[in-house]
N, C-alpha and C. Protein backbone atom coordinates (compact mmCIF):
# COMPACT_ATOMS: atom_id res chain seq x y z
N MET A 1 7.20 7.42 -14.57
CA MET A 1 7.48 5.93 -14.32
C MET A 1 9.20 5.63 -13.51
N LEU A 2 8.25 4.43 -12.44
CA LEU A 2 10.06 4.27 -11.93
C LEU A 2 10.64 3.94 -11.56
N LEU A 3 10.87 3.12 -13.12
CA LEU A 3 12.37 2.63 -13.93
C LEU A 3 12.59 3.62 -14.67
N SER A 4 12.40 4.66 -14.73
CA SER A 4 13.44 6.05 -15.52
C SER A 4 14.37 6.48 -15.37
N ASN A 5 14.81 5.58 -14.08
CA ASN A 5 16.52 5.74 -13.63
C ASN A 5 17.21 4.94 -13.59
N PRO A 6 18.27 4.41 -14.88
CA PRO A 6 19.00 3.42 -14.97
C PRO A 6 19.97 3.21 -14.05
N ASP A 7 20.32 3.51 -12.40
CA ASP A 7 21.57 4.00 -12.28
C ASP A 7 21.06 1.48 -11.16
N PRO A 8 21.88 1.08 -10.85
CA PRO A 8 21.58 -0.04 -10.54
C PRO A 8 21.70 -0.16 -9.42
N PHE A 9 22.07 0.72 -8.14
CA PHE A 9 21.92 1.07 -7.49
C PHE A 9 20.21 1.66 -6.72
N TYR A 10 20.05 1.90 -7.64
CA TYR A 10 18.84 3.29 -7.62
C TYR A 10 17.41 1.89 -7.45
N LEU A 11 17.79 0.69 -8.71
CA LEU A 11 16.77 -0.33 -8.70
C LEU A 11 16.92 -1.29 -8.54
N GLY A 12 18.50 -1.47 -7.55
CA GLY A 12 17.98 -2.47 -6.61
C GLY A 12 16.97 -1.86 -5.48
N SER A 13 17.48 -0.86 -4.71
CA SER A 13 16.54 -0.40 -3.33
C SER A 13 15.96 0.04 -3.97
N LEU A 14 15.43 0.15 -5.29
CA LEU A 14 13.49 0.23 -5.69
C LEU A 14 12.40 -1.44 -5.71
N LEU A 15 13.81 -2.45 -6.64
CA LEU A 15 13.09 -3.73 -6.04
C LEU A 15 13.41 -4.51 -4.91
N LEU A 16 14.05 -4.36 -4.18
CA LEU A 16 13.49 -4.68 -2.50
C LEU A 16 13.01 -4.04 -1.66
N SER A 17 12.95 -2.22 -2.15
CA SER A 17 11.49 -1.92 -1.39
C SER A 17 10.72 -2.20 -1.88
N VAL A 18 9.68 -2.64 -2.77
CA VAL A 18 9.13 -3.23 -3.09
C VAL A 18 7.88 -4.53 -2.51
N VAL A 19 9.01 -5.27 -3.00
CA VAL A 19 9.07 -6.32 -1.52
C VAL A 19 9.20 -6.49 -0.39
N ILE A 20 10.03 -5.75 0.24
CA ILE A 20 9.16 -5.69 1.32
C ILE A 20 8.28 -4.95 1.95
N ALA A 21 7.85 -4.07 1.66
CA ALA A 21 6.57 -3.31 1.49
C ALA A 21 5.27 -3.99 0.92
N ILE A 22 5.58 -4.41 0.17
CA ILE A 22 4.13 -5.56 -0.07
C ILE A 22 3.91 -6.73 0.55
N SER A 23 5.51 -6.97 1.27
CA SER A 23 4.82 -8.09 2.23
C SER A 23 4.69 -7.84 3.27
N VAL A 24 5.15 -6.73 3.82
CA VAL A 24 4.43 -6.76 5.50
C VAL A 24 2.58 -6.23 4.83
N HIS A 25 2.71 -5.18 4.22
CA HIS A 25 1.55 -4.57 3.74
C HIS A 25 0.37 -6.00 4.38
N GLU A 26 0.69 -7.24 2.95
CA GLU A 26 -0.16 -8.15 2.83
C GLU A 26 0.04 -9.08 4.33
N PHE A 27 1.08 -8.94 4.99
CA PHE A 27 0.81 -9.83 6.21
C PHE A 27 -0.12 -9.15 7.33
N ALA A 28 0.05 -8.01 7.04
CA ALA A 28 -0.85 -6.45 7.95
C ALA A 28 -2.22 -7.21 7.95
N HIS A 29 -2.38 -7.26 6.48
CA HIS A 29 -4.22 -7.87 6.60
C HIS A 29 -4.53 -9.81 7.25
N ALA A 30 -3.73 -9.87 6.68
CA ALA A 30 -4.16 -11.27 7.59
C ALA A 30 -3.73 -11.91 8.86
N LEU A 31 -3.13 -10.89 9.84
CA LEU A 31 -2.41 -11.01 11.09
C LEU A 31 -3.39 -9.98 11.73
N ALA A 32 -3.99 -9.60 11.56
CA ALA A 32 -5.29 -8.75 11.71
C ALA A 32 -6.60 -9.29 11.22
N ALA A 33 -6.89 -10.05 10.61
CA ALA A 33 -7.89 -10.81 10.31
C ALA A 33 -7.51 -11.81 11.57
N ASP A 34 -6.28 -12.74 11.52
CA ASP A 34 -6.20 -13.53 12.42
C ASP A 34 -6.67 -13.49 14.27
N LEU A 35 -6.40 -11.84 14.24
CA LEU A 35 -6.33 -11.45 15.49
C LEU A 35 -7.70 -11.45 16.28
N LEU A 36 -8.61 -10.75 14.83
CA LEU A 36 -10.38 -10.80 15.39
C LEU A 36 -10.76 -12.11 15.35
N GLY A 37 -10.25 -13.49 14.86
CA GLY A 37 -11.26 -14.55 15.22
C GLY A 37 -11.35 -15.01 13.64
N ASP A 38 -10.99 -14.60 12.65
CA ASP A 38 -10.93 -15.36 11.32
C ASP A 38 -9.21 -16.79 10.78
N ARG A 39 -9.35 -17.28 10.43
CA ARG A 39 -8.27 -18.25 10.81
C ARG A 39 -7.89 -18.60 8.76
N THR A 40 -8.33 -17.83 8.43
CA THR A 40 -9.38 -18.13 6.99
C THR A 40 -7.38 -17.69 6.34
N PRO A 41 -6.42 -16.27 6.29
CA PRO A 41 -5.42 -16.21 5.96
C PRO A 41 -4.25 -17.38 7.19
N ARG A 42 -4.31 -17.85 8.19
CA ARG A 42 -3.55 -18.93 8.67
C ARG A 42 -3.33 -19.92 7.71
N LEU A 43 -4.59 -20.70 7.88
CA LEU A 43 -5.26 -21.93 6.66
C LEU A 43 -4.42 -22.07 4.92
N ASP A 44 -4.35 -20.78 4.59
CA ASP A 44 -4.31 -20.23 3.45
C ASP A 44 -2.88 -20.09 3.55
N GLY A 45 -1.86 -19.59 5.03
CA GLY A 45 -0.33 -20.00 4.90
C GLY A 45 -0.19 -18.38 4.65
N ARG A 46 -0.93 -17.51 4.94
CA ARG A 46 -0.44 -15.98 4.61
C ARG A 46 0.16 -15.40 5.69
N LEU A 47 0.23 -15.94 7.13
CA LEU A 47 0.80 -15.75 8.34
C LEU A 47 2.35 -15.62 8.26
N THR A 48 2.83 -14.68 7.49
CA THR A 48 4.13 -14.87 7.39
C THR A 48 4.06 -13.86 6.61
N LEU A 49 6.25 -14.26 6.56
CA LEU A 49 7.03 -12.60 6.21
C LEU A 49 7.17 -13.08 5.10
N ASP A 50 6.88 -14.43 4.38
CA ASP A 50 8.12 -14.58 3.40
C ASP A 50 7.17 -14.04 2.18
N PRO A 51 7.61 -13.28 1.24
CA PRO A 51 7.71 -12.70 0.15
C PRO A 51 7.19 -13.79 -0.95
N ARG A 52 7.62 -14.28 -0.70
CA ARG A 52 6.31 -15.51 -2.37
C ARG A 52 5.03 -15.92 -1.01
N SER A 53 5.07 -15.62 0.16
CA SER A 53 3.33 -16.12 -0.10
C SER A 53 2.71 -15.06 -0.57
N HIS A 54 3.46 -13.86 -0.98
CA HIS A 54 2.62 -12.20 -0.63
C HIS A 54 2.42 -11.54 -2.49
N ILE A 55 3.61 -11.88 -2.76
CA ILE A 55 4.08 -11.15 -3.75
C ILE A 55 3.10 -11.00 -5.14
N ASP A 56 2.69 -11.33 -5.95
CA ASP A 56 1.74 -11.20 -6.93
C ASP A 56 2.53 -10.54 -8.32
N PRO A 57 2.89 -11.27 -9.04
CA PRO A 57 4.07 -11.11 -10.30
C PRO A 57 3.94 -9.86 -10.88
N PHE A 58 3.09 -10.03 -11.55
CA PHE A 58 2.17 -8.93 -12.47
C PHE A 58 2.16 -7.08 -11.64
N GLY A 59 1.82 -7.62 -10.14
CA GLY A 59 1.45 -5.68 -9.72
C GLY A 59 2.46 -5.84 -9.29
N ALA A 60 3.51 -6.59 -9.04
CA ALA A 60 5.22 -5.36 -8.40
C ALA A 60 5.47 -5.04 -9.69
N ILE A 61 5.59 -5.95 -10.89
CA ILE A 61 5.64 -5.73 -11.74
C ILE A 61 4.64 -4.08 -12.24
N LEU A 62 3.90 -3.91 -12.16
CA LEU A 62 3.36 -2.73 -13.02
C LEU A 62 3.77 -1.85 -11.84
N PHE A 63 4.48 -2.53 -10.13
CA PHE A 63 4.67 -1.13 -9.26
C PHE A 63 6.10 -0.38 -9.94
N LEU A 64 7.39 -1.22 -10.28
CA LEU A 64 8.36 -0.77 -10.70
C LEU A 64 7.91 0.24 -12.15
N LEU A 65 6.87 -0.56 -12.68
CA LEU A 65 6.40 0.92 -14.09
C LEU A 65 6.08 2.05 -13.62
N ALA A 66 4.92 1.52 -13.09
CA ALA A 66 3.72 2.59 -13.45
C ALA A 66 3.80 4.08 -11.68
N GLY A 67 4.66 3.19 -10.76
CA GLY A 67 4.18 3.53 -9.44
C GLY A 67 3.52 3.28 -8.62
N PHE A 68 2.93 2.55 -8.82
CA PHE A 68 1.69 1.63 -8.00
C PHE A 68 1.27 0.07 -8.31
N GLY A 69 1.13 -0.45 -7.75
CA GLY A 69 0.74 -2.01 -8.02
C GLY A 69 -0.16 -2.52 -6.43
N TRP A 70 -0.23 -3.93 -6.76
CA TRP A 70 -0.83 -5.55 -5.39
C TRP A 70 -0.02 -6.41 -5.56
N GLY A 71 -0.01 -6.83 -4.44
CA GLY A 71 0.17 -7.96 -3.24
C GLY A 71 -0.72 -9.13 -3.56
N ARG A 72 -1.41 -10.39 -3.68
CA ARG A 72 -1.62 -11.31 -3.75
C ARG A 72 -2.34 -10.97 -2.46
N PRO A 73 -4.23 -10.96 -2.80
CA PRO A 73 -4.85 -10.80 -1.97
C PRO A 73 -5.13 -11.44 -0.90
N VAL A 74 -5.54 -11.45 0.52
CA VAL A 74 -5.68 -12.17 1.78
C VAL A 74 -7.08 -12.56 1.41
N LEU A 75 -7.30 -13.63 1.43
CA LEU A 75 -9.10 -14.49 1.16
C LEU A 75 -9.20 -14.82 2.90
N THR A 76 -10.86 -13.20 3.32
CA THR A 76 -10.08 -13.78 4.89
C THR A 76 -12.47 -13.79 4.49
N ASN A 77 -13.01 -14.79 5.52
CA ASN A 77 -13.70 -14.78 6.20
C ASN A 77 -14.88 -13.82 7.18
N PRO A 78 -15.83 -12.91 6.63
CA PRO A 78 -15.94 -11.77 7.59
C PRO A 78 -16.48 -12.24 8.68
N ARG A 79 -17.31 -13.24 7.96
CA ARG A 79 -18.17 -13.54 9.42
C ARG A 79 -18.20 -14.18 10.22
N ASN A 80 -16.61 -14.54 10.46
CA ASN A 80 -15.50 -15.19 11.63
C ASN A 80 -15.27 -14.61 12.26
N PHE A 81 -15.90 -12.47 11.80
CA PHE A 81 -14.96 -11.59 12.75
C PHE A 81 -15.47 -11.32 14.14
N ARG A 82 -15.01 -11.24 15.20
CA ARG A 82 -15.69 -11.29 16.26
C ARG A 82 -16.32 -9.96 16.33
N THR A 83 -15.49 -8.84 15.88
CA THR A 83 -16.76 -7.18 16.06
C THR A 83 -17.22 -7.14 15.42
N GLY A 84 -17.78 -8.50 14.21
CA GLY A 84 -19.24 -8.48 13.37
C GLY A 84 -18.29 -7.62 11.23
N PHE A 85 -19.08 -7.97 10.68
CA PHE A 85 -19.09 -8.38 9.08
C PHE A 85 -17.73 -6.60 8.94
N ARG A 86 -18.53 -5.88 8.70
CA ARG A 86 -18.39 -4.48 8.01
C ARG A 86 -17.24 -3.54 9.27
N THR A 87 -16.92 -3.97 11.01
CA THR A 87 -16.15 -3.18 11.48
C THR A 87 -14.72 -4.18 11.30
N GLY A 88 -15.38 -5.53 11.20
CA GLY A 88 -13.36 -6.13 10.65
C GLY A 88 -13.33 -5.85 9.56
N MET A 89 -14.30 -6.22 8.34
CA MET A 89 -14.03 -5.82 7.25
C MET A 89 -12.22 -4.39 7.32
N ALA A 90 -13.32 -3.08 7.95
CA ALA A 90 -12.78 -2.53 7.23
C ALA A 90 -11.54 -2.15 8.71
N LEU A 91 -11.56 -2.71 9.75
CA LEU A 91 -9.84 -2.79 10.44
C LEU A 91 -9.05 -3.92 10.00
N VAL A 92 -9.52 -5.01 9.39
CA VAL A 92 -8.21 -5.60 7.90
C VAL A 92 -8.34 -5.26 7.43
N ALA A 93 -9.02 -4.21 5.79
CA ALA A 93 -8.88 -3.50 5.80
C ALA A 93 -7.30 -2.21 5.57
N ALA A 94 -8.01 -1.43 6.81
CA ALA A 94 -7.45 -0.52 7.54
C ALA A 94 -5.49 -0.70 7.93
N ALA A 95 -5.10 -2.40 8.04
CA ALA A 95 -4.07 -2.96 8.69
C ALA A 95 -2.88 -2.43 8.05
N GLY A 96 -3.37 -2.97 5.92
CA GLY A 96 -2.29 -3.22 5.71
C GLY A 96 -1.72 -1.45 5.10
N PRO A 97 -2.48 -0.56 5.01
CA PRO A 97 -2.01 0.88 4.79
C PRO A 97 -1.21 1.24 5.88
N PHE A 98 -1.69 1.02 7.44
CA PHE A 98 -0.41 0.91 8.80
C PHE A 98 0.01 1.05 8.91
N SER A 99 0.11 -0.61 8.27
CA SER A 99 1.53 -1.14 8.27
C SER A 99 2.68 -0.21 7.50
N ASN A 100 2.07 -0.15 6.22
CA ASN A 100 3.60 0.74 5.40
C ASN A 100 3.62 2.22 6.02
N LEU A 101 2.74 2.90 6.59
CA LEU A 101 2.93 4.39 7.54
C LEU A 101 3.66 4.06 9.06
N VAL A 102 3.89 2.90 8.39
CA VAL A 102 5.01 2.47 10.37
C VAL A 102 5.99 2.57 9.83
N LEU A 103 6.21 1.61 8.93
CA LEU A 103 7.38 1.43 8.28
C LEU A 103 7.76 2.61 7.84
N ALA A 104 7.10 3.30 6.91
CA ALA A 104 7.61 4.96 6.49
C ALA A 104 8.57 5.93 8.10
N PHE A 105 7.54 5.44 9.12
CA PHE A 105 7.60 6.18 10.04
C PHE A 105 9.62 5.81 10.67
N ILE A 106 9.63 4.48 10.38
CA ILE A 106 11.19 3.85 10.16
C ILE A 106 11.69 4.31 10.13
N ALA A 107 11.83 4.03 8.77
CA ALA A 107 12.66 4.53 7.34
C ALA A 107 13.22 5.70 8.20
N ALA A 108 11.93 6.89 8.04
CA ALA A 108 12.52 8.13 8.36
C ALA A 108 12.92 9.28 9.33
N GLN A 109 12.85 8.08 10.40
CA GLN A 109 13.48 8.40 12.32
C GLN A 109 15.57 7.63 11.92
N LEU A 110 15.13 6.59 10.99
CA LEU A 110 16.44 6.52 10.91
C LEU A 110 17.36 7.18 9.75
N LEU A 111 16.59 8.02 8.94
CA LEU A 111 17.31 9.02 8.62
C LEU A 111 16.99 9.78 8.90
N ARG A 112 17.04 10.42 10.25
CA ARG A 112 16.80 11.86 10.56
C ARG A 112 18.08 11.25 11.78
N SER A 113 18.50 10.27 12.18
CA SER A 113 18.90 9.90 13.46
C SER A 113 20.65 10.03 12.78
N GLY A 114 20.56 9.02 11.61
CA GLY A 114 21.97 8.71 11.36
C GLY A 114 22.86 7.40 11.98
N LEU A 115 22.15 6.75 12.79
CA LEU A 115 22.57 5.74 13.54
C LEU A 115 23.60 4.42 12.48
N LEU A 116 22.47 4.10 10.94
CA LEU A 116 23.13 3.23 10.47
C LEU A 116 24.45 3.97 9.72
N ALA A 117 25.30 4.65 9.99
CA ALA A 117 26.11 5.87 9.75
C ALA A 117 27.46 4.60 9.97
N ARG A 118 27.04 3.97 11.12
CA ARG A 118 28.52 3.77 11.32
C ARG A 118 29.01 2.11 11.31
N PHE A 119 27.60 1.75 10.29
CA PHE A 119 27.67 0.73 9.42
C PHE A 119 28.42 -0.15 8.44
N VAL A 120 27.62 0.93 7.15
CA VAL A 120 27.56 1.22 6.06
C VAL A 120 27.64 2.24 5.16
N PRO A 121 28.43 2.71 4.26
CA PRO A 121 28.29 4.09 3.52
C PRO A 121 27.24 4.78 3.68
N TRP A 122 27.28 5.90 4.14
CA TRP A 122 25.79 6.81 4.60
C TRP A 122 25.09 7.45 3.04
N ASP A 123 26.28 7.18 2.25
CA ASP A 123 25.35 7.23 0.87
C ASP A 123 24.40 6.41 0.71
N TRP A 124 24.74 4.91 0.98
CA TRP A 124 23.80 4.02 0.42
C TRP A 124 22.31 3.64 1.30
N VAL A 125 23.13 4.15 2.49
CA VAL A 125 22.22 3.70 3.58
C VAL A 125 20.49 5.38 3.16
N THR A 126 20.97 6.55 3.21
CA THR A 126 20.08 7.23 2.75
C THR A 126 19.35 7.38 1.14
N GLY A 127 20.45 6.61 0.42
CA GLY A 127 19.39 6.32 -0.83
C GLY A 127 18.98 5.00 -0.65
N PHE A 128 18.45 4.69 -0.26
CA PHE A 128 18.03 3.04 0.38
C PHE A 128 16.78 3.48 1.13
N LEU A 129 16.73 4.41 2.39
CA LEU A 129 15.79 4.74 2.95
C LEU A 129 15.36 5.77 2.88
N TYR A 130 15.33 6.38 1.82
CA TYR A 130 14.57 7.19 0.80
C TYR A 130 13.79 6.64 0.00
N ILE A 131 13.91 5.91 -0.91
CA ILE A 131 13.17 4.78 -1.68
C ILE A 131 12.28 4.20 -1.13
N PHE A 132 12.63 3.62 0.34
CA PHE A 132 11.87 2.75 0.74
C PHE A 132 10.94 3.39 1.46
N MET A 133 11.09 4.44 2.13
CA MET A 133 10.36 5.61 2.60
C MET A 133 9.21 6.16 2.21
N SER A 134 9.45 6.80 0.36
CA SER A 134 9.02 7.49 -0.25
C SER A 134 7.74 5.83 -0.93
N LEU A 135 7.94 5.10 -0.88
CA LEU A 135 7.76 3.43 -1.99
C LEU A 135 6.31 3.27 -1.15
N ASN A 136 6.65 3.44 0.42
CA ASN A 136 5.76 3.94 1.25
C ASN A 136 4.56 4.54 1.48
N VAL A 137 5.06 5.53 1.28
CA VAL A 137 4.03 6.63 1.46
C VAL A 137 3.05 6.72 -0.12
N VAL A 138 4.01 6.11 -0.93
CA VAL A 138 3.04 5.98 -2.14
C VAL A 138 1.94 4.55 -2.24
N LEU A 139 2.55 3.58 -1.37
CA LEU A 139 1.48 2.40 -1.02
C LEU A 139 0.38 3.26 0.29
N LEU A 140 0.38 3.79 1.02
CA LEU A 140 -0.84 3.52 1.87
C LEU A 140 -1.46 4.77 1.48
N ILE A 141 -0.99 5.85 0.54
CA ILE A 141 -1.20 6.96 0.09
C ILE A 141 -2.77 6.33 -1.03
N PHE A 142 -2.27 5.44 -2.02
CA PHE A 142 -2.78 4.78 -2.70
C PHE A 142 -4.12 3.76 -2.53
N ASN A 143 -3.63 3.05 -1.17
CA ASN A 143 -4.22 1.96 -0.92
C ASN A 143 -5.36 2.67 -0.53
N LEU A 144 -5.26 3.41 0.43
CA LEU A 144 -6.78 4.30 0.92
C LEU A 144 -8.02 5.64 -0.18
N LEU A 145 -6.97 5.93 -1.33
CA LEU A 145 -8.30 6.22 -2.30
C LEU A 145 -9.36 5.11 -1.60
N PRO A 146 -10.70 5.78 -1.53
CA PRO A 146 -11.82 5.31 -1.53
C PRO A 146 -12.34 4.17 -3.36
N VAL A 147 -11.82 3.47 -3.30
CA VAL A 147 -12.13 3.15 -5.18
C VAL A 147 -12.73 1.28 -4.48
N PRO A 148 -13.09 1.10 -5.26
CA PRO A 148 -12.71 -0.73 -4.95
C PRO A 148 -12.11 -0.78 -6.37
N PRO A 149 -10.69 -2.15 -6.02
CA PRO A 149 -10.90 -3.05 -4.56
C PRO A 149 -10.33 -2.41 -3.91
N LEU A 150 -9.73 -1.03 -3.34
CA LEU A 150 -8.13 -0.49 -2.67
C LEU A 150 -9.71 -1.19 -1.21
N ASP A 151 -8.61 -0.87 -0.37
CA ASP A 151 -7.96 -1.04 1.02
C ASP A 151 -8.91 0.52 2.04
N GLY A 152 -8.48 1.36 0.86
CA GLY A 152 -9.59 2.51 1.24
C GLY A 152 -11.22 2.60 1.10
N PHE A 153 -11.73 1.53 0.05
CA PHE A 153 -12.48 1.29 0.32
C PHE A 153 -13.57 0.89 0.66
N LYS A 154 -13.17 -0.46 0.94
CA LYS A 154 -13.35 -1.31 2.27
C LYS A 154 -13.76 -0.32 3.59
N VAL A 155 -12.60 0.38 3.84
CA VAL A 155 -13.15 1.14 5.21
C VAL A 155 -13.48 2.14 5.44
N ALA A 156 -14.21 2.85 4.06
CA ALA A 156 -15.27 3.28 4.23
C ALA A 156 -16.20 2.72 4.06
N LEU A 157 -16.92 1.77 3.62
CA LEU A 157 -17.60 0.50 4.18
C LEU A 157 -17.70 0.92 5.30
N GLY A 158 -17.38 0.68 5.91
CA GLY A 158 -17.17 -0.48 7.81
C GLY A 158 -17.75 1.24 8.64
N LEU A 159 -17.07 2.77 8.14
CA LEU A 159 -17.20 3.45 8.40
C LEU A 159 -18.70 4.36 8.45
N LEU A 160 -18.88 4.72 7.22
CA LEU A 160 -20.21 4.78 6.70
C LEU A 160 -21.61 4.66 7.75
N PRO A 161 -22.65 5.14 7.87
CA PRO A 161 -24.17 4.82 7.64
C PRO A 161 -24.06 3.44 7.11
N ASP A 162 -25.64 2.72 7.55
CA ASP A 162 -25.37 1.17 6.30
C ASP A 162 -26.00 1.68 5.48
N ASN A 163 -27.23 2.66 5.35
CA ASN A 163 -27.77 2.95 3.74
C ASN A 163 -26.92 3.88 3.03
N VAL A 164 -25.93 4.21 3.30
CA VAL A 164 -24.99 4.65 2.69
C VAL A 164 -23.82 3.34 2.14
N ALA A 165 -23.80 2.62 2.80
CA ALA A 165 -22.44 1.49 2.82
C ALA A 165 -23.18 1.24 1.76
N ASP A 166 -24.48 0.28 1.70
CA ASP A 166 -25.02 -0.20 0.99
C ASP A 166 -24.96 0.20 -0.12
N MET A 167 -24.99 1.51 -0.34
CA MET A 167 -25.67 1.83 -1.82
C MET A 167 -24.30 2.20 -2.64
N LEU A 168 -22.97 2.60 -1.71
CA LEU A 168 -21.31 2.58 -2.83
C LEU A 168 -21.46 0.84 -2.65
N ALA A 169 -22.02 0.10 -1.93
CA ALA A 169 -21.55 -1.56 -2.18
C ALA A 169 -21.21 -1.93 -3.25
N GLY A 170 -22.92 -1.36 -4.25
CA GLY A 170 -23.33 -1.51 -4.96
C GLY A 170 -22.13 -1.66 -6.39
N ILE A 171 -21.78 -0.17 -6.33
CA ILE A 171 -20.45 0.40 -7.48
C ILE A 171 -19.03 -0.85 -7.24
N GLU A 172 -19.59 -2.05 -6.36
CA GLU A 172 -17.88 -2.72 -5.76
C GLU A 172 -17.45 -3.33 -7.48
N ARG A 173 -18.35 -2.94 -8.52
CA ARG A 173 -17.60 -4.40 -9.62
C ARG A 173 -17.09 -3.38 -10.54
N THR A 174 -18.02 -2.51 -11.06
CA THR A 174 -17.00 -1.61 -11.66
C THR A 174 -16.35 -0.83 -11.03
N GLY A 175 -15.63 -0.03 -9.78
CA GLY A 175 -14.28 0.47 -9.40
C GLY A 175 -13.78 -0.34 -10.04
N PRO A 176 -13.13 -1.54 -10.48
CA PRO A 176 -11.78 -1.46 -10.63
C PRO A 176 -11.46 -0.75 -12.22
N LEU A 177 -12.77 -1.13 -13.07
CA LEU A 177 -12.78 -0.23 -14.44
C LEU A 177 -12.52 1.53 -14.18
N LEU A 178 -13.43 1.67 -13.17
CA LEU A 178 -12.51 3.24 -12.73
C LEU A 178 -10.71 3.66 -12.25
N LEU A 179 -10.23 2.29 -11.72
CA LEU A 179 -8.77 2.42 -11.53
C LEU A 179 -8.54 2.53 -12.72
N MET A 180 -9.03 1.62 -13.62
CA MET A 180 -8.06 2.03 -14.50
C MET A 180 -8.22 2.97 -15.62
N PHE A 181 -9.07 3.12 -16.07
CA PHE A 181 -9.86 4.68 -16.36
C PHE A 181 -8.67 5.34 -15.83
N LEU A 182 -8.48 5.25 -14.27
CA LEU A 182 -7.51 6.64 -14.02
C LEU A 182 -6.12 6.93 -14.44
N VAL A 183 -5.90 5.35 -14.51
CA VAL A 183 -4.05 5.22 -15.05
C VAL A 183 -4.16 5.33 -16.42
N LEU A 184 -5.45 4.78 -17.65
CA LEU A 184 -5.30 5.00 -18.28
C LEU A 184 -4.95 6.87 -19.16
N ALA A 185 -5.87 7.21 -18.59
CA ALA A 185 -6.05 8.77 -18.20
C ALA A 185 -5.08 9.63 -17.69
N GLY A 186 -4.32 9.48 -17.15
CA GLY A 186 -3.00 9.56 -16.99
C GLY A 186 -1.88 8.93 -18.14
N ASN A 187 -2.21 8.59 -18.63
CA ASN A 187 -1.27 8.22 -20.12
C ASN A 187 -1.14 9.11 -21.41
N LEU A 188 -2.64 10.00 -20.88
CA LEU A 188 -2.90 10.54 -21.67
C LEU A 188 -3.01 12.63 -21.23
N THR A 189 -2.88 12.28 -20.43
CA THR A 189 -2.67 13.96 -18.91
C THR A 189 -1.81 13.97 -19.29
N GLN A 190 -0.56 13.31 -19.65
CA GLN A 190 1.06 13.00 -18.22
C GLN A 190 1.89 14.50 -19.18
N GLN A 191 1.42 14.48 -20.64
CA GLN A 191 1.80 15.04 -21.39
C GLN A 191 1.95 17.00 -21.22
N TYR A 192 0.78 17.39 -20.48
CA TYR A 192 -0.18 18.61 -19.66
C TYR A 192 0.52 18.69 -18.18
N GLY A 193 0.55 17.32 -18.03
CA GLY A 193 2.42 18.08 -16.30
C GLY A 193 1.32 17.07 -16.04
N PHE A 194 0.57 16.87 -15.53
CA PHE A 194 -1.00 16.58 -14.34
C PHE A 194 -1.47 15.05 -15.18
N THR A 195 -2.00 14.35 -13.77
CA THR A 195 -2.65 12.84 -13.74
C THR A 195 -3.03 12.72 -13.08
N PRO A 196 -4.38 12.38 -13.56
CA PRO A 196 -5.98 12.22 -11.91
C PRO A 196 -4.98 11.42 -10.85
N LEU A 197 -4.83 10.12 -11.27
CA LEU A 197 -4.12 9.66 -9.98
C LEU A 197 -2.87 10.62 -9.20
N GLY A 198 -2.21 11.68 -9.63
CA GLY A 198 -1.29 12.58 -9.30
C GLY A 198 -2.08 13.87 -8.72
N LEU A 199 -3.09 14.18 -8.92
CA LEU A 199 -3.85 15.14 -8.18
C LEU A 199 -4.36 14.37 -7.72
N LEU A 200 -4.39 14.01 -7.35
CA LEU A 200 -5.35 12.90 -5.62
C LEU A 200 -4.32 12.44 -4.79
N MET A 201 -3.63 12.46 -5.29
CA MET A 201 -2.20 11.34 -4.42
C MET A 201 -1.35 12.79 -3.66
N THR A 202 -1.10 13.30 -4.74
CA THR A 202 0.51 14.34 -4.13
C THR A 202 0.47 15.14 -2.75
N PRO A 203 -0.95 16.14 -2.71
CA PRO A 203 -1.26 16.43 -1.76
C PRO A 203 -0.79 15.75 -0.64
N ALA A 204 -2.00 14.66 -0.40
CA ALA A 204 -1.77 13.62 0.68
C ALA A 204 -0.73 13.58 0.93
N ARG A 205 -0.11 12.99 0.24
CA ARG A 205 2.18 12.45 -0.14
C ARG A 205 2.53 13.28 0.83
N ASN A 206 2.59 14.81 0.00
CA ASN A 206 3.41 16.04 0.39
C ASN A 206 2.86 15.86 2.56
N ALA A 207 1.79 15.57 2.67
CA ALA A 207 1.07 15.81 3.84
C ALA A 207 1.81 14.98 4.89
N VAL A 208 1.66 13.36 4.30
CA VAL A 208 2.68 12.77 5.47
C VAL A 208 3.77 12.76 4.70
N MET A 209 4.52 13.14 4.15
CA MET A 209 6.18 13.79 4.48
C MET A 209 6.23 14.70 5.23
N GLN A 210 5.63 15.95 5.29
CA GLN A 210 5.91 16.82 6.36
C GLN A 210 5.53 16.20 7.89
N LEU A 211 4.42 14.84 8.10
CA LEU A 211 4.57 14.50 9.15
C LEU A 211 5.23 13.80 9.82
N LEU A 212 6.22 13.47 8.48
CA LEU A 212 7.35 11.93 8.69
C LEU A 212 8.63 13.27 9.00
N GLY A 213 8.34 14.52 8.61
CA GLY A 213 9.65 16.11 9.15
C GLY A 213 10.50 15.61 8.41
N MET A 214 10.10 15.50 7.05
CA MET A 214 10.79 15.12 5.74
C MET A 214 10.39 15.89 5.08
């Protein structure tokens, strides 16, 4: 649980990190769709970094409480994509997690360089940047899980052969139930020192942190 630490600086840094990370993530979806020829996000007011356009209150609160969450979904019309339906859908889906990787990379480089120490107390900088980096890594990995309605499922549909993708598309409606099961199962298994989502995400998180040099 992310809110288990009552320190005001930690809570403030976490809240700011959630707002920035989710806003950039959803903006990246909107920008990718716009670049591929679909103006739906632009007309819907999503081609902006304004958090008010992207934050889903329930998803943000869940992120603070459970360590994962979501923003307001960016509506698109895949028939407008110049690349075709499935390829465009995969590219738009991948843009969100990719933006979180970029944010995590920037935070890691700032941490390693120490450049901001000239302007603000270094303890504050390292504290915020590490929280910001870690949260973006979690968002990256969570959203790439191949479970509907997460981005990873849409990316998988765009990469797999047509017959396999068509078969998997049939489970799209039951995906949220599977995701909910993984979360609820974590509440039951946490007392034994593990959660299903943790087993799926921890190795990938460690690998990404190693790639970032952290």
